[in-house]
Structures are given as structure tokens and as C-alpha cells.
């Protein structure tokens, strides 16, 4: 019989590993089980493709979802559900996720569905023109897109000297 830590008997949120790109399938299968609560935060983003800009939606944590259930009664059913690879374990014990973390994600980030993120209009190596601020009108080359895609580092020529600056991605317009 599987060893069950006492803390898991009381309906803790557990991290469930899914098959690649099957988070939505695993979520649907687990939702069919009585007494199993599932949370799969999703992100929606726009990406340029050959067909133009297309919206994509995928799991915020690829390969993982969260589930809360009575461990003793449901561990086998959850582990065997279609799309599930198993429960995340460390040294044989299931990885629990604090209730506060899940509640915060549910309440603040995903109450209206998936988070929507747009791909930055510029990428590393692109030439752009600064469209506002003190550097307006200057040409620059994007050297780095910073985390979140809201700010970028650019390299520009000012009075014969290469200067690196950090600017808002929204203040740049790509040069054709």
C-alpha cells in the first residue's frame, strides 16, 4: 500500500504532472471525478505566424495542473486519469501547494479566464525608431527584450558613439 503522509489526508492542493500539451485533457478528465477539484491556469497570447497574428492559449505552467481531493480515496483514480503522468513527488512525498497560492491565482489573475498577453511588436535584431520621449526620432537596434516584453534594450548612435539604452517596447516602431 502507498505511504500517505498525514498532511495529505486533509484535501491539500497537489501538483499533478500531465502528458506534454495535454493539460486541458487531464483537467477535463479529473473534473469528471466526484470529489476532485482541479485548477489549470491558462495564458492567452498573440503570435505572428505565416497566416498573420494568431491567438494561442496554453497552460501557464506547461506540463502541470493542480488538484485537490481526498488522497486516500482518490489517489489511484487521479493518477490513472487520461492525460495524467502522475503526482509530483519529492523524496517519495507528494508536492503540496499552499491554499493561499491557489486562491490568489484564482481570485486575482484568472477570474475572467486566461491572462491575455501580446507578443512584443519588436524582437532582438530589429531596427526601430523611437516614437516618443526624449529619444523620439532616433533609430535603434533592439539588443534585448527584457522579461515581460514591456521594456527592451536598444543600441543607438548618438554623436558618433554607440549608446545602449532601456526603453518601453510600446515607444518603438519597427522599421520596414
Protein backbone atom coordinates (compact mmCIF):
# COMPACT_ATOMS: atom_id res chain seq x y z
CA UNK A 1 0.00 0.00 0.00
CA UNK A 2 1.15 3.54 -0.80
CA UNK A 3 2.52 5.52 2.14
CA UNK A 4 0.36 8.56 2.82
CA UNK A 5 1.71 11.48 4.80
CA UNK A 6 -0.88 12.66 7.38
CA UNK A 7 -0.91 16.17 5.90
CA UNK A 8 -2.30 14.86 2.59
CA UNK A 9 -5.40 13.27 4.07
CA UNK A 10 -7.00 16.69 4.56
CA UNK A 11 -7.65 17.72 0.93
CA UNK A 12 -4.43 19.62 0.15
CA UNK A 13 -3.79 21.05 -3.29
CA UNK A 14 -1.34 18.75 -5.07
CA UNK A 15 0.75 19.33 -8.16
CA UNK A 16 -0.18 16.88 -10.92
CA UNK A 17 2.18 16.19 -13.82
CA UNK A 18 0.47 15.84 -17.19
CA UNK A 19 1.47 14.46 -20.54
CA UNK A 20 3.04 17.12 -22.79
CA UNK A 21 0.47 19.58 -24.22
CA UNK A 22 -2.36 17.61 -22.54
CA UNK A 23 -3.09 19.85 -19.56
CA UNK A 24 -6.58 20.63 -20.85
CA UNK A 25 -7.34 16.94 -21.42
CA UNK A 26 -6.13 15.94 -17.95
CA UNK A 27 -8.14 18.79 -16.42
CA UNK A 28 -11.30 17.63 -18.21
CA UNK A 29 -10.81 14.03 -17.11
CA UNK A 30 -10.18 14.97 -13.48
CA UNK A 31 -13.24 17.25 -13.45
CA UNK A 32 -15.34 14.17 -14.25
CA UNK A 33 -14.27 12.52 -10.99
CA UNK A 34 -16.50 13.18 -7.95
CA UNK A 35 -14.71 14.96 -5.14
CA UNK A 36 -11.82 16.23 -7.26
CA UNK A 37 -11.31 19.98 -7.65
CA UNK A 38 -8.97 20.99 -10.49
CA UNK A 39 -7.23 24.23 -11.37
CA UNK A 40 -5.32 24.78 -14.59
CA UNK A 41 -4.35 28.45 -15.02
CA UNK A 42 -4.10 29.37 -18.69
CA UNK A 43 -2.46 32.15 -20.65
CA UNK A 44 -3.61 33.54 -23.97
CA UNK A 45 -1.16 35.29 -26.25
CA UNK A 46 -0.86 36.56 -29.79
CA UNK A 47 1.97 35.46 -32.03
CA UNK A 48 2.95 36.35 -35.57
CA UNK A 49 2.65 33.39 -37.95
CA UNK A 50 2.70 32.96 -41.72
CA UNK A 51 -1.09 33.48 -41.58
CA UNK A 52 -0.68 36.75 -39.68
CA UNK A 53 -1.28 37.36 -35.98
CA UNK A 54 -2.96 34.37 -34.33
CA UNK A 55 -4.17 33.89 -30.74
CA UNK A 56 -2.78 30.88 -28.88
CA UNK A 57 -3.89 29.54 -25.50
CA UNK A 58 -1.87 27.22 -23.31
CA UNK A 59 -1.22 26.30 -19.68
CA UNK A 60 0.60 28.88 -17.58
CA UNK A 61 2.65 26.01 -16.10
CA UNK A 62 3.25 23.66 -19.06
CA UNK A 63 3.03 20.02 -18.01
CA UNK A 64 1.40 20.73 -14.64
CA UNK A 65 -2.04 21.31 -13.14
CA UNK A 66 -3.30 21.47 -9.57
CA UNK A 67 -5.86 19.18 -7.96
CA UNK A 68 -7.45 18.91 -4.52
CA UNK A 69 -9.05 15.68 -3.41
CA UNK A 70 -9.17 13.16 -0.58
CA UNK A 71 -5.79 11.50 -1.03
CA UNK A 72 -6.73 8.10 0.42
CA UNK A 73 -9.90 7.72 -1.65
CA UNK A 74 -8.88 9.26 -4.99
CA UNK A 75 -5.10 8.96 -5.45
CA UNK A 76 -5.35 5.95 -7.75
CA UNK A 77 -8.15 7.42 -9.87
CA UNK A 78 -6.34 10.75 -10.22
CA UNK A 79 -3.00 9.12 -11.05
CA UNK A 80 -4.61 6.86 -13.66
CA UNK A 81 -6.72 9.54 -15.39
CA UNK A 82 -6.18 10.03 -19.12
CA UNK A 83 -3.59 12.76 -19.75
CA UNK A 84 -2.06 12.45 -16.26
CA UNK A 85 1.50 11.18 -15.81
CA UNK A 86 1.29 11.14 -12.03
CA UNK A 87 1.63 13.26 -8.94
CA UNK A 88 4.74 15.36 -8.47
CA UNK A 89 6.81 13.84 -5.66
CA UNK A 90 9.94 14.80 -3.82
CA UNK A 91 11.69 12.00 -1.92
CA UNK A 92 8.55 9.89 -2.22
CA UNK A 93 6.19 12.53 -0.79
CA UNK A 94 3.65 14.39 -2.90
CA UNK A 95 4.31 18.06 -3.55
CA UNK A 96 1.63 20.18 -1.91
CA UNK A 97 0.76 23.72 -2.94
CA UNK A 98 -0.39 26.17 -0.24
CA UNK A 99 -4.10 27.01 -0.39
CA UNK A 100 -3.27 30.71 -0.30
CA UNK A 101 -1.22 30.44 -3.51
CA UNK A 102 -4.04 28.74 -5.42
CA UNK A 103 -6.66 31.14 -4.00
CA UNK A 104 -4.54 34.12 -5.01
CA UNK A 105 -4.10 32.80 -8.56
CA UNK A 106 -7.82 32.05 -8.85
CA UNK A 107 -9.04 35.35 -7.41
CA UNK A 108 -6.64 37.89 -8.84
CA UNK A 109 -5.28 36.54 -12.07
CA UNK A 110 -7.75 34.21 -13.69
CA UNK A 111 -11.23 35.28 -12.61
CA UNK A 112 -12.12 36.39 -16.16
CA UNK A 113 -10.43 33.44 -17.90
CA UNK A 114 -6.89 33.20 -19.22
CA UNK A 115 -4.42 36.06 -18.95
CA UNK A 116 -4.02 37.75 -22.31
CA UNK A 117 -0.52 38.70 -23.42
CA UNK A 118 0.53 40.16 -26.75
CA UNK A 119 3.87 39.32 -28.30
CA UNK A 120 6.09 42.39 -28.41
CA UNK A 121 5.96 44.25 -31.71
CA UNK A 122 9.76 44.22 -31.88
CA UNK A 123 12.35 41.47 -31.39
CA UNK A 124 16.12 41.21 -30.99
CA UNK A 125 17.92 42.37 -34.11
CA UNK A 126 15.05 44.52 -35.39
CA UNK A 127 15.68 48.11 -36.39
CA UNK A 128 13.22 50.55 -34.87
CA UNK A 129 12.51 54.24 -34.45
CA UNK A 130 11.72 55.71 -31.03
CA UNK A 131 8.23 57.25 -31.32
CA UNK A 132 8.03 59.24 -28.07
CA UNK A 133 10.04 60.59 -25.16
CA UNK A 134 13.41 62.33 -25.10
CA UNK A 135 14.87 59.99 -27.73
CA UNK A 136 11.99 60.47 -30.22
CA UNK A 137 13.01 60.11 -33.85
CA UNK A 138 16.26 58.22 -33.20
CA UNK A 139 16.91 54.92 -34.96
CA UNK A 140 17.94 51.98 -32.80
CA UNK A 141 18.65 48.25 -32.98
CA UNK A 142 16.95 46.02 -30.40
CA UNK A 143 19.63 44.16 -28.42
CA UNK A 144 17.48 42.51 -25.72
CA UNK A 145 13.80 42.07 -24.88
CA UNK A 146 13.51 42.24 -21.09
CA UNK A 147 11.27 39.94 -19.06
CA UNK A 148 7.59 40.53 -19.67
CA UNK A 149 8.29 42.11 -23.05
CA UNK A 150 7.32 45.59 -21.86
CA UNK A 151 10.83 47.02 -21.97
CA UNK A 152 13.74 46.48 -24.34
CA UNK A 153 17.40 47.40 -24.54
CA UNK A 154 18.40 49.23 -27.70
CA UNK A 155 21.68 50.28 -29.25
CA UNK A 156 21.68 53.66 -30.95
CA UNK A 157 24.18 56.05 -32.45
CA UNK A 158 24.42 59.40 -30.70
CA UNK A 159 27.08 61.81 -31.94
CA UNK A 160 29.21 59.02 -33.37
CA UNK A 161 29.11 56.90 -30.22
CA UNK A 162 27.14 53.68 -29.75
CA UNK A 163 24.89 54.10 -26.70
CA UNK A 164 22.80 51.36 -25.08
CA UNK A 165 19.51 52.45 -23.51
CA UNK A 166 16.45 50.81 -22.00
CA UNK A 167 13.08 51.97 -23.36
CA UNK A 168 9.44 50.88 -23.30
CA UNK A 169 8.69 48.48 -26.16
CA UNK A 170 5.49 50.45 -26.82
CA UNK A 171 7.59 53.54 -27.65
CA UNK A 172 9.26 51.80 -30.60
CA UNK A 173 8.06 51.31 -34.14
CA UNK A 174 9.75 48.69 -36.31
CA UNK A 175 11.44 49.98 -39.47
CA UNK A 176 10.36 48.09 -42.57
